[in-house]
């Protein structure tokens, strides 16, 4: 176990919560809707991947996306169709993307986090045309991970593209949703060697529909009782100085990853199982 008790609030990473499509006006006015009550039902088995557990009917629909939102995770949502951004004048990959669906969950139980509670549906072919040196390789990595269930790289496939580095991943597992398969994990992204806290970690799912048409990305804030609510560079974890912090940062990240790995899924908030249930209920219509 690592000692993180002396980390205090105040991390200023310089990043606002991700609104990566904010540089372009939405093609349609975002629609905000309440969550409708759902009636439990049994989901049919599919021949292409293992059946998911019995889940309630979807109570949210946004373009081609539908899923069941537990009222404990939110009471409304905003559905947006983000227009394509393909300008060659913008040098960064984060500003190049196809027209896609984004759904933001409203009244999520965690606030003030680095990552927003959102679901993204990206068309794979068009995204690959726009970023031919990035997306095809990322799709291949995800397909290989799904088929083998193992991975050896230091970073797992992730969308949307971020101008930050994936610090670590833990609690990773391949899982199915109604329309395909993917990988779930807890992670953290950083511009610099920042202390890890509950403000920065998040749960994510990265998957592909069975026919490979869509990439499904889910980001949901999550917290662990072993991490501070927030952290900054002014009060470093016990045993570190300003100089030793940067020299030993990889060992600090390793210790945090190992400490999180041994935490039970139910010790997180929201619990990993509750977030898994949201992912498992996702359907993407063709």
C-alpha atoms as a PDB file:
ATOM      1  CA  UNK A   1       0.000   0.000   0.000  1.00  0.00           C
ATOM      2  CA  UNK A   2       1.271   3.468  -0.728  1.00  0.00           C
ATOM      3  CA  UNK A   3       1.008   6.572   1.435  1.00  0.00           C
ATOM      4  CA  UNK A   4      -1.013   9.237  -0.337  1.00  0.00           C
ATOM      5  CA  UNK A   5      -2.528  10.890   2.718  1.00  0.00           C
ATOM      6  CA  UNK A   6      -0.443  14.037   2.539  1.00  0.00           C
ATOM      7  CA  UNK A   7      -1.492  15.037  -0.974  1.00  0.00           C
ATOM      8  CA  UNK A   8      -3.693  18.127  -0.852  1.00  0.00           C
ATOM      9  CA  UNK A   9      -6.173  19.822  -3.139  1.00  0.00           C
ATOM     10  CA  UNK A  10      -4.954  22.143  -5.837  1.00  0.00           C
ATOM     11  CA  UNK A  11      -3.670  20.364  -8.932  1.00  0.00           C
ATOM     12  CA  UNK A  12      -3.635  22.745 -11.854  1.00  0.00           C
ATOM     13  CA  UNK A  13      -3.007  20.660 -14.915  1.00  0.00           C
ATOM     14  CA  UNK A  14      -4.044  23.399 -17.296  1.00  0.00           C
ATOM     15  CA  UNK A  15      -6.663  21.268 -18.984  1.00  0.00           C
ATOM     16  CA  UNK A  16     -10.395  21.865 -18.848  1.00  0.00           C
ATOM     17  CA  UNK A  17     -12.783  18.858 -19.010  1.00  0.00           C
ATOM     18  CA  UNK A  18     -12.732  17.402 -22.471  1.00  0.00           C
ATOM     19  CA  UNK A  19     -14.951  19.112 -24.987  1.00  0.00           C
ATOM     20  CA  UNK A  20     -12.818  18.145 -27.910  1.00  0.00           C
ATOM     21  CA  UNK A  21     -15.384  19.129 -30.455  1.00  0.00           C
ATOM     22  CA  UNK A  22     -15.734  22.578 -28.956  1.00  0.00           C
ATOM     23  CA  UNK A  23     -13.808  24.213 -31.754  1.00  0.00           C
ATOM     24  CA  UNK A  24     -16.665  23.561 -34.159  1.00  0.00           C
ATOM     25  CA  UNK A  25     -20.320  24.491 -33.791  1.00  0.00           C
ATOM     26  CA  UNK A  26     -22.651  21.484 -33.561  1.00  0.00           C
ATOM     27  CA  UNK A  27     -24.563  20.589 -36.671  1.00  0.00           C
ATOM     28  CA  UNK A  28     -27.740  20.349 -34.651  1.00  0.00           C
ATOM     29  CA  UNK A  29     -28.825  21.974 -31.434  1.00  0.00           C
ATOM     30  CA  UNK A  30     -28.081  19.578 -28.542  1.00  0.00           C
ATOM     31  CA  UNK A  31     -31.217  17.996 -27.155  1.00  0.00           C
ATOM     32  CA  UNK A  32     -31.583  17.618 -23.422  1.00  0.00           C
ATOM     33  CA  UNK A  33     -33.873  14.868 -22.192  1.00  0.00           C
ATOM     34  CA  UNK A  34     -34.864  13.344 -18.867  1.00  0.00           C
ATOM     35  CA  UNK A  35     -34.310   9.664 -18.233  1.00  0.00           C
ATOM     36  CA  UNK A  36     -37.453   7.632 -18.801  1.00  0.00           C
ATOM     37  CA  UNK A  37     -38.286   4.670 -16.526  1.00  0.00           C
ATOM     38  CA  UNK A  38     -37.427   1.257 -17.962  1.00  0.00           C
ATOM     39  CA  UNK A  39     -38.963  -2.177 -17.635  1.00  0.00           C
ATOM     40  CA  UNK A  40     -36.603  -5.130 -16.980  1.00  0.00           C
ATOM     41  CA  UNK A  41     -36.320  -7.673 -19.773  1.00  0.00           C
ATOM     42  CA  UNK A  42     -34.050 -10.482 -20.923  1.00  0.00           C
ATOM     43  CA  UNK A  43     -31.591  -9.645 -23.670  1.00  0.00           C
ATOM     44  CA  UNK A  44     -31.333 -12.227 -26.481  1.00  0.00           C
ATOM     45  CA  UNK A  45     -28.145 -14.199 -26.961  1.00  0.00           C
ATOM     46  CA  UNK A  46     -26.045 -13.301 -29.993  1.00  0.00           C
ATOM     47  CA  UNK A  47     -23.977 -15.727 -32.045  1.00  0.00           C
ATOM     48  CA  UNK A  48     -20.992 -13.400 -32.396  1.00  0.00           C
ATOM     49  CA  UNK A  49     -20.045 -12.898 -28.748  1.00  0.00           C
ATOM     50  CA  UNK A  50     -21.066 -14.133 -25.288  1.00  0.00           C
ATOM     51  CA  UNK A  51     -24.464 -13.099 -23.963  1.00  0.00           C
ATOM     52  CA  UNK A  52     -24.470 -10.240 -21.476  1.00  0.00           C
ATOM     53  CA  UNK A  53     -26.346 -10.484 -18.176  1.00  0.00           C
ATOM     54  CA  UNK A  54     -30.054  -9.678 -17.945  1.00  0.00           C
ATOM     55  CA  UNK A  55     -30.425  -5.898 -18.132  1.00  0.00           C
ATOM     56  CA  UNK A  56     -33.320  -3.435 -18.173  1.00  0.00           C
ATOM     57  CA  UNK A  57     -34.559  -2.020 -21.461  1.00  0.00           C
ATOM     58  CA  UNK A  58     -32.804   1.083 -22.715  1.00  0.00           C
ATOM     59  CA  UNK A  59     -34.165   4.325 -21.299  1.00  0.00           C
ATOM     60  CA  UNK A  60     -31.890   6.616 -23.332  1.00  0.00           C
ATOM     61  CA  UNK A  61     -31.740   7.055 -27.111  1.00  0.00           C
ATOM     62  CA  UNK A  62     -29.414   9.437 -28.930  1.00  0.00           C
ATOM     63  CA  UNK A  63     -29.128   9.063 -32.712  1.00  0.00           C
ATOM     64  CA  UNK A  64     -27.844   5.492 -33.321  1.00  0.00           C
ATOM     65  CA  UNK A  65     -27.005   5.000 -29.627  1.00  0.00           C
ATOM     66  CA  UNK A  66     -29.228   3.579 -26.891  1.00  0.00           C
ATOM     67  CA  UNK A  67     -28.525   2.198 -23.421  1.00  0.00           C
ATOM     68  CA  UNK A  68     -29.876   1.892 -19.895  1.00  0.00           C
ATOM     69  CA  UNK A  69     -28.850   4.659 -17.479  1.00  0.00           C
ATOM     70  CA  UNK A  70     -29.161   3.704 -13.827  1.00  0.00           C
ATOM     71  CA  UNK A  71     -30.831   6.642 -12.015  1.00  0.00           C
ATOM     72  CA  UNK A  72     -27.945   6.469  -9.512  1.00  0.00           C
ATOM     73  CA  UNK A  73     -25.597   7.571 -12.345  1.00  0.00           C
ATOM     74  CA  UNK A  74     -27.649  10.441 -13.731  1.00  0.00           C
ATOM     75  CA  UNK A  75     -31.105  11.885 -14.241  1.00  0.00           C
ATOM     76  CA  UNK A  76     -30.788  13.333 -17.714  1.00  0.00           C
ATOM     77  CA  UNK A  77     -28.613  13.586 -20.780  1.00  0.00           C
ATOM     78  CA  UNK A  78     -27.585  15.869 -23.621  1.00  0.00           C
ATOM     79  CA  UNK A  79     -27.464  14.386 -27.112  1.00  0.00           C
ATOM     80  CA  UNK A  80     -25.288  16.111 -29.685  1.00  0.00           C
ATOM     81  CA  UNK A  81     -24.311  15.466 -33.290  1.00  0.00           C
ATOM     82  CA  UNK A  82     -20.795  16.883 -33.640  1.00  0.00           C
ATOM     83  CA  UNK A  83     -19.931  17.954 -37.195  1.00  0.00           C
ATOM     84  CA  UNK A  84     -16.800  16.773 -38.956  1.00  0.00           C
ATOM     85  CA  UNK A  85     -13.562  18.688 -38.420  1.00  0.00           C
ATOM     86  CA  UNK A  86     -10.989  17.904 -41.090  1.00  0.00           C
ATOM     87  CA  UNK A  87      -9.089  21.154 -41.627  1.00  0.00           C
ATOM     88  CA  UNK A  88      -5.503  20.533 -42.666  1.00  0.00           C
ATOM     89  CA  UNK A  89      -4.616  23.889 -41.060  1.00  0.00           C
ATOM     90  CA  UNK A  90      -4.974  22.320 -37.616  1.00  0.00           C
ATOM     91  CA  UNK A  91      -1.821  20.310 -36.851  1.00  0.00           C
ATOM     92  CA  UNK A  92      -3.079  18.343 -33.830  1.00  0.00           C
ATOM     93  CA  UNK A  93      -4.968  15.045 -34.146  1.00  0.00           C
ATOM     94  CA  UNK A  94      -7.394  16.070 -31.402  1.00  0.00           C
ATOM     95  CA  UNK A  95      -8.947  18.613 -33.754  1.00  0.00           C
ATOM     96  CA  UNK A  96      -9.517  16.136 -36.583  1.00  0.00           C
ATOM     97  CA  UNK A  97     -12.518  13.832 -36.337  1.00  0.00           C
ATOM     98  CA  UNK A  98     -15.557  12.680 -38.338  1.00  0.00           C
ATOM     99  CA  UNK A  99     -19.151  13.668 -37.674  1.00  0.00           C
ATOM    100  CA  UNK A 100     -20.134  11.638 -34.642  1.00  0.00           C
ATOM    101  CA  UNK A 101     -22.515  11.282 -31.726  1.00  0.00           C
ATOM    102  CA  UNK A 102     -21.656  12.525 -28.250  1.00  0.00           C
ATOM    103  CA  UNK A 103     -23.891  11.974 -25.231  1.00  0.00           C
ATOM    104  CA  UNK A 104     -23.219  13.756 -21.939  1.00  0.00           C
ATOM    105  CA  UNK A 105     -24.758  12.345 -18.752  1.00  0.00           C
ATOM    106  CA  UNK A 106     -26.272  14.994 -16.516  1.00  0.00           C
ATOM    107  CA  UNK A 107     -26.297  15.002 -12.698  1.00  0.00           C
ATOM    108  CA  UNK A 108     -23.560  12.376 -12.467  1.00  0.00           C
ATOM    109  CA  UNK A 109     -22.657  11.620  -8.812  1.00  0.00           C
ATOM    110  CA  UNK A 110     -19.052  12.878  -9.169  1.00  0.00           C
ATOM    111  CA  UNK A 111     -18.366  16.485 -10.156  1.00  0.00           C
ATOM    112  CA  UNK A 112     -15.293  18.642 -10.715  1.00  0.00           C
ATOM    113  CA  UNK A 113     -13.409  15.813 -12.412  1.00  0.00           C
ATOM    114  CA  UNK A 114     -10.961  16.033 -15.296  1.00  0.00           C
ATOM    115  CA  UNK A 115     -12.929  13.628 -17.494  1.00  0.00           C
ATOM    116  CA  UNK A 116     -16.620  14.150 -18.308  1.00  0.00           C
ATOM    117  CA  UNK A 117     -19.268  11.398 -18.085  1.00  0.00           C
ATOM    118  CA  UNK A 118     -19.765  10.870 -21.806  1.00  0.00           C
ATOM    119  CA  UNK A 119     -20.384   8.312 -24.539  1.00  0.00           C
ATOM    120  CA  UNK A 120     -18.916   8.759 -28.022  1.00  0.00           C
ATOM    121  CA  UNK A 121     -19.881   6.870 -31.206  1.00  0.00           C
ATOM    122  CA  UNK A 122     -17.327   7.266 -34.012  1.00  0.00           C
ATOM    123  CA  UNK A 123     -17.663   5.907 -37.591  1.00  0.00           C
ATOM    124  CA  UNK A 124     -14.476   3.898 -38.046  1.00  0.00           C
ATOM    125  CA  UNK A 125     -14.060   4.174 -41.822  1.00  0.00           C
ATOM    126  CA  UNK A 126     -14.374   7.936 -41.987  1.00  0.00           C
ATOM    127  CA  UNK A 127     -12.152   8.434 -38.941  1.00  0.00           C
ATOM    128  CA  UNK A 128      -9.513   6.225 -40.597  1.00  0.00           C
ATOM    129  CA  UNK A 129      -9.716   8.308 -43.786  1.00  0.00           C
ATOM    130  CA  UNK A 130      -9.142  11.498 -41.798  1.00  0.00           C
ATOM    131  CA  UNK A 131      -6.273  10.078 -39.695  1.00  0.00           C
ATOM    132  CA  UNK A 132      -4.754   7.299 -41.852  1.00  0.00           C
ATOM    133  CA  UNK A 133      -1.525   7.210 -39.824  1.00  0.00           C
ATOM    134  CA  UNK A 134      -3.311   6.918 -36.482  1.00  0.00           C
ATOM    135  CA  UNK A 135      -6.735   5.273 -36.553  1.00  0.00           C
ATOM    136  CA  UNK A 136      -6.095   2.075 -38.559  1.00  0.00           C
ATOM    137  CA  UNK A 137      -3.278   1.121 -36.199  1.00  0.00           C
ATOM    138  CA  UNK A 138      -5.415   1.952 -33.166  1.00  0.00           C
ATOM    139  CA  UNK A 139      -8.288  -0.137 -34.512  1.00  0.00           C
ATOM    140  CA  UNK A 140      -5.924  -3.069 -35.165  1.00  0.00           C
ATOM    141  CA  UNK A 141      -4.555  -2.809 -31.634  1.00  0.00           C
ATOM    142  CA  UNK A 142      -8.065  -2.895 -30.185  1.00  0.00           C
ATOM    143  CA  UNK A 143      -9.124  -5.819 -32.395  1.00  0.00           C
ATOM    144  CA  UNK A 144      -6.035  -7.775 -31.364  1.00  0.00           C
ATOM    145  CA  UNK A 145      -6.639  -7.019 -27.702  1.00  0.00           C
ATOM    146  CA  UNK A 146     -10.279  -8.141 -27.940  1.00  0.00           C
ATOM    147  CA  UNK A 147      -9.444 -11.370 -29.749  1.00  0.00           C
ATOM    148  CA  UNK A 148      -6.498 -12.384 -27.553  1.00  0.00           C
ATOM    149  CA  UNK A 149      -7.527 -10.941 -24.218  1.00  0.00           C
ATOM    150  CA  UNK A 150      -3.886 -10.089 -23.535  1.00  0.00           C
ATOM    151  CA  UNK A 151      -1.701  -7.050 -24.090  1.00  0.00           C
ATOM    152  CA  UNK A 152       1.912  -6.163 -23.462  1.00  0.00           C
ATOM    153  CA  UNK A 153       2.090  -2.470 -24.358  1.00  0.00           C
ATOM    154  CA  UNK A 154       2.287   0.301 -21.765  1.00  0.00           C
ATOM    155  CA  UNK A 155      -0.812   1.978 -23.189  1.00  0.00           C
ATOM    156  CA  UNK A 156      -4.267   0.700 -24.139  1.00  0.00           C
ATOM    157  CA  UNK A 157      -6.193   1.946 -27.213  1.00  0.00           C
ATOM    158  CA  UNK A 158      -8.237   5.037 -26.418  1.00  0.00           C
ATOM    159  CA  UNK A 159     -10.554   7.584 -28.033  1.00  0.00           C
ATOM    160  CA  UNK A 160     -11.160  10.499 -28.134  1.00  0.00           C
ATOM    161  CA  UNK A 161      -7.584  11.579 -28.910  1.00  0.00           C
ATOM    162  CA  UNK A 162      -6.093  13.607 -26.056  1.00  0.00           C
ATOM    163  CA  UNK A 163      -3.063  15.944 -25.935  1.00  0.00           C
ATOM    164  CA  UNK A 164      -1.894  14.048 -22.850  1.00  0.00           C
ATOM    165  CA  UNK A 165      -0.172  10.780 -21.974  1.00  0.00           C
ATOM    166  CA  UNK A 166      -1.904   7.707 -20.560  1.00  0.00           C
ATOM    167  CA  UNK A 167      -0.246   7.436 -17.149  1.00  0.00           C
ATOM    168  CA  UNK A 168      -1.349   3.895 -16.272  1.00  0.00           C
ATOM    169  CA  UNK A 169      -4.217   1.435 -16.612  1.00  0.00           C
ATOM    170  CA  UNK A 170      -5.670  -1.051 -14.131  1.00  0.00           C
ATOM    171  CA  UNK A 171      -8.679  -3.372 -13.691  1.00  0.00           C
ATOM    172  CA  UNK A 172      -8.539  -4.018 -17.439  1.00  0.00           C
ATOM    173  CA  UNK A 173     -10.769  -6.718 -18.901  1.00  0.00           C
ATOM    174  CA  UNK A 174     -12.381  -7.619 -22.223  1.00  0.00           C
ATOM    175  CA  UNK A 175     -16.172  -7.436 -22.065  1.00  0.00           C
ATOM    176  CA  UNK A 176     -19.190  -7.480 -24.344  1.00  0.00           C
ATOM    177  CA  UNK A 177     -21.943  -4.979 -24.991  1.00  0.00           C
ATOM    178  CA  UNK A 178     -25.161  -5.488 -26.943  1.00  0.00           C
ATOM    179  CA  UNK A 179     -23.566  -4.593 -30.272  1.00  0.00           C
ATOM    180  CA  UNK A 180     -19.977  -5.755 -29.909  1.00  0.00           C
ATOM    181  CA  UNK A 181     -16.955  -6.132 -27.642  1.00  0.00           C
ATOM    182  CA  UNK A 182     -14.181  -4.032 -26.167  1.00  0.00           C
ATOM    183  CA  UNK A 183     -11.945  -3.469 -23.169  1.00  0.00           C
ATOM    184  CA  UNK A 184     -12.739  -1.748 -19.887  1.00  0.00           C
ATOM    185  CA  UNK A 185     -10.096  -0.212 -17.639  1.00  0.00           C
ATOM    186  CA  UNK A 186      -9.389   2.528 -15.105  1.00  0.00           C
ATOM    187  CA  UNK A 187      -6.839   5.085 -16.211  1.00  0.00           C
ATOM    188  CA  UNK A 188      -5.383   8.565 -15.837  1.00  0.00           C
ATOM    189  CA  UNK A 189      -4.055  11.057 -18.386  1.00  0.00           C
ATOM    190  CA  UNK A 190      -1.418  13.668 -17.686  1.00  0.00           C
ATOM    191  CA  UNK A 191       0.288  16.603 -19.404  1.00  0.00           C
ATOM    192  CA  UNK A 192       3.123  16.343 -16.922  1.00  0.00           C
ATOM    193  CA  UNK A 193       4.229  14.269 -13.938  1.00  0.00           C
ATOM    194  CA  UNK A 194       1.248  15.145 -11.766  1.00  0.00           C
ATOM    195  CA  UNK A 195       0.178  13.382  -8.562  1.00  0.00           C
ATOM    196  CA  UNK A 196      -2.699  10.978  -9.231  1.00  0.00           C
ATOM    197  CA  UNK A 197      -6.008  11.711  -7.514  1.00  0.00           C
ATOM    198  CA  UNK A 198      -9.735  11.032  -7.686  1.00  0.00           C
ATOM    199  CA  UNK A 199     -10.089  14.163  -9.798  1.00  0.00           C
ATOM    200  CA  UNK A 200      -7.960  12.676 -12.565  1.00  0.00           C
ATOM    201  CA  UNK A 201      -8.676   8.926 -12.658  1.00  0.00           C
ATOM    202  CA  UNK A 202     -11.634   7.622 -14.632  1.00  0.00           C
ATOM    203  CA  UNK A 203     -13.320   4.456 -15.868  1.00  0.00           C
ATOM    204  CA  UNK A 204     -13.336   3.939 -19.624  1.00  0.00           C
ATOM    205  CA  UNK A 205     -14.615   1.431 -22.131  1.00  0.00           C
ATOM    206  CA  UNK A 206     -13.200   1.242 -25.664  1.00  0.00           C
ATOM    207  CA  UNK A 207     -14.981  -1.091 -28.059  1.00  0.00           C
ATOM    208  CA  UNK A 208     -16.008  -1.919 -31.607  1.00  0.00           C
ATOM    209  CA  UNK A 209     -19.366  -2.992 -32.973  1.00  0.00           C
ATOM    210  CA  UNK A 210     -19.449  -6.552 -34.301  1.00  0.00           C
ATOM    211  CA  UNK A 211     -19.270  -5.379 -37.914  1.00  0.00           C
ATOM    212  CA  UNK A 212     -16.468  -2.912 -37.199  1.00  0.00           C
ATOM    213  CA  UNK A 213     -18.554   0.062 -38.325  1.00  0.00           C
ATOM    214  CA  UNK A 214     -18.403   2.043 -35.084  1.00  0.00           C
ATOM    215  CA  UNK A 215     -15.934   2.680 -32.277  1.00  0.00           C
ATOM    216  CA  UNK A 216     -17.739   3.053 -28.943  1.00  0.00           C
ATOM    217  CA  UNK A 217     -15.925   5.104 -26.285  1.00  0.00           C
ATOM    218  CA  UNK A 218     -17.211   5.650 -22.752  1.00  0.00           C
ATOM    219  CA  UNK A 219     -15.577   7.852 -20.105  1.00  0.00           C
ATOM    220  CA  UNK A 220     -17.016   7.896 -16.574  1.00  0.00           C
ATOM    221  CA  UNK A 221     -15.422   9.525 -13.510  1.00  0.00           C
ATOM    222  CA  UNK A 222     -14.660   7.117 -10.673  1.00  0.00           C
ATOM    223  CA  UNK A 223     -13.038   7.435  -7.247  1.00  0.00           C
ATOM    224  CA  UNK A 224     -11.082   5.171  -4.910  1.00  0.00           C
ATOM    225  CA  UNK A 225     -10.846   5.467  -1.105  1.00  0.00           C
ATOM    226  CA  UNK A 226      -7.054   5.103  -1.256  1.00  0.00           C
ATOM    227  CA  UNK A 227      -6.572   8.259  -3.359  1.00  0.00           C
ATOM    228  CA  UNK A 228      -6.881  11.915  -2.338  1.00  0.00           C
ATOM    229  CA  UNK A 229      -9.763  13.950  -3.725  1.00  0.00           C
ATOM    230  CA  UNK A 230      -7.260  16.160  -5.531  1.00  0.00           C
ATOM    231  CA  UNK A 231      -3.506  16.726  -5.499  1.00  0.00           C
ATOM    232  CA  UNK A 232      -0.857  19.229  -6.538  1.00  0.00           C
ATOM    233  CA  UNK A 233       2.898  19.702  -6.727  1.00  0.00           C
ATOM    234  CA  UNK A 234       3.123  21.772  -3.556  1.00  0.00           C
ATOM    235  CA  UNK A 235       2.626  18.902  -1.130  1.00  0.00           C
ATOM    236  CA  UNK A 236       4.078  15.725  -2.581  1.00  0.00           C
ATOM    237  CA  UNK A 237       3.493  12.195  -1.263  1.00  0.00           C
ATOM    238  CA  UNK A 238       5.512  11.242   1.792  1.00  0.00           C
ATOM    239  CA  UNK A 239       9.168  10.545   1.047  1.00  0.00           C
ATOM    240  CA  UNK A 240       9.410  12.746  -2.062  1.00  0.00           C
ATOM    241  CA  UNK A 241      11.227  16.043  -2.614  1.00  0.00           C
ATOM    242  CA  UNK A 242      10.873  18.351  -5.598  1.00  0.00           C
ATOM    243  CA  UNK A 243      13.971  16.797  -7.151  1.00  0.00           C
ATOM    244  CA  UNK A 244      13.246  13.160  -6.348  1.00  0.00           C
ATOM    245  CA  UNK A 245       9.623  13.467  -7.508  1.00  0.00           C
ATOM    246  CA  UNK A 246      10.491  13.814 -11.178  1.00  0.00           C
ATOM    247  CA  UNK A 247      13.346  11.330 -10.978  1.00  0.00           C
ATOM    248  CA  UNK A 248      11.162   8.690  -9.340  1.00  0.00           C
ATOM    249  CA  UNK A 249       7.798   9.449 -10.927  1.00  0.00           C
ATOM    250  CA  UNK A 250       7.636   6.121 -12.835  1.00  0.00           C
ATOM    251  CA  UNK A 251       8.018   4.264  -9.523  1.00  0.00           C
ATOM    252  CA  UNK A 252       5.278   6.398  -7.953  1.00  0.00           C
ATOM    253  CA  UNK A 253       2.931   5.563 -10.845  1.00  0.00           C
ATOM    254  CA  UNK A 254       3.791   1.869 -10.481  1.00  0.00           C
ATOM    255  CA  UNK A 255       2.951   1.994  -6.767  1.00  0.00           C
ATOM    256  CA  UNK A 256      -0.400   3.690  -7.420  1.00  0.00           C
ATOM    257  CA  UNK A 257      -1.254   1.169 -10.140  1.00  0.00           C
ATOM    258  CA  UNK A 258      -0.402  -1.776  -7.895  1.00  0.00           C
ATOM    259  CA  UNK A 259      -2.395  -0.304  -5.010  1.00  0.00           C
ATOM    260  CA  UNK A 260      -5.460   0.185  -7.211  1.00  0.00           C
ATOM    261  CA  UNK A 261      -5.149  -3.309  -8.691  1.00  0.00           C
ATOM    262  CA  UNK A 262      -5.779  -4.959  -5.318  1.00  0.00           C
ATOM    263  CA  UNK A 263      -8.842  -2.834  -4.535  1.00  0.00           C
ATOM    264  CA  UNK A 264     -12.137  -4.697  -4.833  1.00  0.00           C
ATOM    265  CA  UNK A 265     -14.458  -3.524  -7.660  1.00  0.00           C
ATOM    266  CA  UNK A 266     -17.047  -2.618  -5.039  1.00  0.00           C
ATOM    267  CA  UNK A 267     -14.653  -0.291  -3.215  1.00  0.00           C
ATOM    268  CA  UNK A 268     -14.755   2.265  -6.035  1.00  0.00           C
ATOM    269  CA  UNK A 269     -17.473   4.886  -6.403  1.00  0.00           C
ATOM    270  CA  UNK A 270     -19.477   4.376  -8.453  1.00  0.00           C
ATOM    271  CA  UNK A 271     -18.707   0.675  -8.290  1.00  0.00           C
ATOM    272  CA  UNK A 272     -17.072  -0.922 -11.316  1.00  0.00           C
ATOM    273  CA  UNK A 273     -19.991  -3.354 -11.638  1.00  0.00           C
ATOM    274  CA  UNK A 274     -22.524  -0.513 -11.903  1.00  0.00           C
ATOM    275  CA  UNK A 275     -20.485   1.154 -14.635  1.00  0.00           C
ATOM    276  CA  UNK A 276     -20.030  -2.189 -16.412  1.00  0.00           C
ATOM    277  CA  UNK A 277     -23.814  -2.593 -16.496  1.00  0.00           C
ATOM    278  CA  UNK A 278     -24.194   0.699 -18.355  1.00  0.00           C
ATOM    279  CA  UNK A 279     -21.648  -0.425 -20.952  1.00  0.00           C
ATOM    280  CA  UNK A 280     -23.185  -3.887 -21.355  1.00  0.00           C
ATOM    281  CA  UNK A 281     -26.573  -2.334 -22.178  1.00  0.00           C
ATOM    282  CA  UNK A 282     -25.240  -0.221 -25.081  1.00  0.00           C
ATOM    283  CA  UNK A 283     -26.799  -0.838 -28.491  1.00  0.00           C
ATOM    284  CA  UNK A 284     -25.614   0.896 -31.670  1.00  0.00           C
ATOM    285  CA  UNK A 285     -28.119   0.737 -34.529  1.00  0.00           C
ATOM    286  CA  UNK A 286     -26.781   0.454 -38.073  1.00  0.00           C
END
